[in-house]
């Protein structure tokens, strides 16, 4: 009976030590931060171009059509630019990790202005 408790405790401690896992338990689904005017591809390209000089470990990917994912492994956050309204709008969605710095969000919003 002690062995299953020890295994459970070990698993819980391992999960709690991971920022991504903590985010999963606190926010099990993606959170929309903003809806911006403009095409998701153009906004993501603009944001990446401006942020790559200031955010260490910044990378981007396109996991599926209509979504561009931008993430910083060093800062531990992930944002997705999601196509909305047939390319006229972009949903900015926080999908994992810690909450991004206000600098990141304001840079993304400036690209839409």
C-alpha atoms as a PDB file:
ATOM      1  CA  UNK A   1       0.000   0.000   0.000  1.00  0.00           C
ATOM      2  CA  UNK A   2       2.918   2.375   0.612  1.00  0.00           C
ATOM      3  CA  UNK A   3       4.420   1.816  -2.854  1.00  0.00           C
ATOM      4  CA  UNK A   4       1.390   3.218  -4.785  1.00  0.00           C
ATOM      5  CA  UNK A   5       1.386   6.309  -2.543  1.00  0.00           C
ATOM      6  CA  UNK A   6       5.092   6.867  -3.152  1.00  0.00           C
ATOM      7  CA  UNK A   7       4.600   6.529  -6.908  1.00  0.00           C
ATOM      8  CA  UNK A   8       1.668   8.941  -6.846  1.00  0.00           C
ATOM      9  CA  UNK A   9       3.640  11.460  -4.794  1.00  0.00           C
ATOM     10  CA  UNK A  10       6.590  11.209  -7.182  1.00  0.00           C
ATOM     11  CA  UNK A  11       4.373  11.783 -10.221  1.00  0.00           C
ATOM     12  CA  UNK A  12       2.657  14.777  -8.617  1.00  0.00           C
ATOM     13  CA  UNK A  13       5.997  16.340  -7.687  1.00  0.00           C
ATOM     14  CA  UNK A  14       7.358  15.821 -11.191  1.00  0.00           C
ATOM     15  CA  UNK A  15       4.302  17.447 -12.741  1.00  0.00           C
ATOM     16  CA  UNK A  16       4.341  20.364 -10.324  1.00  0.00           C
ATOM     17  CA  UNK A  17       7.978  21.123 -11.134  1.00  0.00           C
ATOM     18  CA  UNK A  18       7.180  21.722 -14.793  1.00  0.00           C
ATOM     19  CA  UNK A  19       5.840  25.178 -15.745  1.00  0.00           C
ATOM     20  CA  UNK A  20       3.953  23.729 -18.698  1.00  0.00           C
ATOM     21  CA  UNK A  21       2.297  21.132 -16.504  1.00  0.00           C
ATOM     22  CA  UNK A  22       1.323  23.746 -13.930  1.00  0.00           C
ATOM     23  CA  UNK A  23      -0.230  25.806 -16.720  1.00  0.00           C
ATOM     24  CA  UNK A  24      -2.126  22.732 -17.914  1.00  0.00           C
ATOM     25  CA  UNK A  25      -3.711  22.250 -14.507  1.00  0.00           C
ATOM     26  CA  UNK A  26      -4.519  25.947 -14.082  1.00  0.00           C
ATOM     27  CA  UNK A  27      -5.680  26.611 -17.657  1.00  0.00           C
ATOM     28  CA  UNK A  28      -6.648  23.316 -19.278  1.00  0.00           C
ATOM     29  CA  UNK A  29      -7.796  25.009 -22.481  1.00  0.00           C
ATOM     30  CA  UNK A  30      -6.344  27.863 -24.549  1.00  0.00           C
ATOM     31  CA  UNK A  31      -7.263  31.412 -23.487  1.00  0.00           C
ATOM     32  CA  UNK A  32      -8.080  34.119 -26.056  1.00  0.00           C
ATOM     33  CA  UNK A  33      -6.184  37.263 -25.092  1.00  0.00           C
ATOM     34  CA  UNK A  34      -7.308  39.544 -27.897  1.00  0.00           C
ATOM     35  CA  UNK A  35      -8.885  39.713 -31.325  1.00  0.00           C
ATOM     36  CA  UNK A  36      -6.908  41.900 -33.700  1.00  0.00           C
ATOM     37  CA  UNK A  37      -7.674  43.371 -37.110  1.00  0.00           C
ATOM     38  CA  UNK A  38      -5.547  41.864 -39.854  1.00  0.00           C
ATOM     39  CA  UNK A  39      -4.422  38.589 -41.345  1.00  0.00           C
ATOM     40  CA  UNK A  40      -2.830  36.099 -38.952  1.00  0.00           C
ATOM     41  CA  UNK A  41       0.158  35.466 -41.243  1.00  0.00           C
ATOM     42  CA  UNK A  42       0.998  39.154 -41.607  1.00  0.00           C
ATOM     43  CA  UNK A  43       0.607  39.842 -37.879  1.00  0.00           C
ATOM     44  CA  UNK A  44       2.701  36.819 -36.889  1.00  0.00           C
ATOM     45  CA  UNK A  45       5.475  37.782 -39.344  1.00  0.00           C
ATOM     46  CA  UNK A  46       5.527  41.372 -38.070  1.00  0.00           C
ATOM     47  CA  UNK A  47       5.534  40.292 -34.421  1.00  0.00           C
ATOM     48  CA  UNK A  48       8.289  37.743 -34.991  1.00  0.00           C
ATOM     49  CA  UNK A  49      10.446  40.267 -36.859  1.00  0.00           C
ATOM     50  CA  UNK A  50      10.216  42.741 -33.952  1.00  0.00           C
ATOM     51  CA  UNK A  51      10.384  40.255 -31.079  1.00  0.00           C
ATOM     52  CA  UNK A  52      13.238  38.057 -32.282  1.00  0.00           C
ATOM     53  CA  UNK A  53      15.710  40.828 -31.370  1.00  0.00           C
ATOM     54  CA  UNK A  54      14.401  41.121 -27.798  1.00  0.00           C
ATOM     55  CA  UNK A  55      13.118  37.683 -26.758  1.00  0.00           C
ATOM     56  CA  UNK A  56      15.637  34.896 -26.310  1.00  0.00           C
ATOM     57  CA  UNK A  57      14.788  31.461 -27.631  1.00  0.00           C
ATOM     58  CA  UNK A  58      11.958  32.747 -29.849  1.00  0.00           C
ATOM     59  CA  UNK A  59      10.683  30.316 -32.479  1.00  0.00           C
ATOM     60  CA  UNK A  60       7.573  29.842 -34.570  1.00  0.00           C
ATOM     61  CA  UNK A  61       5.809  27.022 -36.334  1.00  0.00           C
ATOM     62  CA  UNK A  62       2.630  26.359 -38.261  1.00  0.00           C
ATOM     63  CA  UNK A  63       1.154  23.202 -36.704  1.00  0.00           C
ATOM     64  CA  UNK A  64      -1.909  23.358 -38.957  1.00  0.00           C
ATOM     65  CA  UNK A  65      -3.435  25.624 -41.575  1.00  0.00           C
ATOM     66  CA  UNK A  66      -4.869  28.758 -39.990  1.00  0.00           C
ATOM     67  CA  UNK A  67      -2.621  28.719 -36.904  1.00  0.00           C
ATOM     68  CA  UNK A  68       0.874  30.095 -36.406  1.00  0.00           C
ATOM     69  CA  UNK A  69       2.416  29.260 -33.052  1.00  0.00           C
ATOM     70  CA  UNK A  70       5.099  31.504 -31.545  1.00  0.00           C
ATOM     71  CA  UNK A  71       6.935  30.444 -28.429  1.00  0.00           C
ATOM     72  CA  UNK A  72       9.887  31.309 -26.237  1.00  0.00           C
ATOM     73  CA  UNK A  73      11.559  28.313 -24.652  1.00  0.00           C
ATOM     74  CA  UNK A  74      13.707  30.643 -22.531  1.00  0.00           C
ATOM     75  CA  UNK A  75      10.776  32.639 -21.127  1.00  0.00           C
ATOM     76  CA  UNK A  76       8.367  29.703 -21.099  1.00  0.00           C
ATOM     77  CA  UNK A  77       5.329  31.009 -22.975  1.00  0.00           C
ATOM     78  CA  UNK A  78       3.439  30.140 -26.134  1.00  0.00           C
ATOM     79  CA  UNK A  79       1.056  32.240 -28.220  1.00  0.00           C
ATOM     80  CA  UNK A  80      -0.953  31.253 -31.257  1.00  0.00           C
ATOM     81  CA  UNK A  81      -2.098  33.531 -34.053  1.00  0.00           C
ATOM     82  CA  UNK A  82      -5.374  32.028 -35.232  1.00  0.00           C
ATOM     83  CA  UNK A  83      -7.097  32.886 -38.520  1.00  0.00           C
ATOM     84  CA  UNK A  84     -10.557  34.308 -37.878  1.00  0.00           C
ATOM     85  CA  UNK A  85     -13.250  35.893 -40.036  1.00  0.00           C
ATOM     86  CA  UNK A  86     -11.772  34.538 -43.267  1.00  0.00           C
ATOM     87  CA  UNK A  87      -8.439  36.289 -42.840  1.00  0.00           C
ATOM     88  CA  UNK A  88      -9.779  39.675 -41.717  1.00  0.00           C
ATOM     89  CA  UNK A  89      -9.250  39.052 -38.009  1.00  0.00           C
ATOM     90  CA  UNK A  90      -6.648  37.267 -35.893  1.00  0.00           C
ATOM     91  CA  UNK A  91      -7.305  35.714 -32.510  1.00  0.00           C
ATOM     92  CA  UNK A  92      -4.301  35.934 -30.203  1.00  0.00           C
ATOM     93  CA  UNK A  93      -4.472  32.838 -28.022  1.00  0.00           C
ATOM     94  CA  UNK A  94      -2.318  31.970 -25.006  1.00  0.00           C
ATOM     95  CA  UNK A  95      -1.827  28.240 -25.404  1.00  0.00           C
ATOM     96  CA  UNK A  96       0.854  27.214 -22.900  1.00  0.00           C
ATOM     97  CA  UNK A  97       3.434  28.241 -20.352  1.00  0.00           C
ATOM     98  CA  UNK A  98       3.667  31.371 -18.284  1.00  0.00           C
ATOM     99  CA  UNK A  99       1.882  34.563 -19.196  1.00  0.00           C
ATOM    100  CA  UNK A 100       3.922  36.532 -21.770  1.00  0.00           C
ATOM    101  CA  UNK A 101       5.450  39.877 -20.798  1.00  0.00           C
ATOM    102  CA  UNK A 102       3.440  43.016 -21.583  1.00  0.00           C
ATOM    103  CA  UNK A 103       6.227  43.976 -24.011  1.00  0.00           C
ATOM    104  CA  UNK A 104       5.400  40.901 -26.109  1.00  0.00           C
ATOM    105  CA  UNK A 105       1.669  41.616 -26.143  1.00  0.00           C
ATOM    106  CA  UNK A 106       2.098  45.319 -26.893  1.00  0.00           C
ATOM    107  CA  UNK A 107       4.457  44.490 -29.774  1.00  0.00           C
ATOM    108  CA  UNK A 108       1.888  42.105 -31.267  1.00  0.00           C
ATOM    109  CA  UNK A 109      -0.872  44.712 -30.854  1.00  0.00           C
ATOM    110  CA  UNK A 110       1.319  47.384 -32.486  1.00  0.00           C
ATOM    111  CA  UNK A 111       1.620  45.175 -35.554  1.00  0.00           C
ATOM    112  CA  UNK A 112      -2.157  45.303 -35.905  1.00  0.00           C
ATOM    113  CA  UNK A 113      -2.331  49.097 -35.592  1.00  0.00           C
END
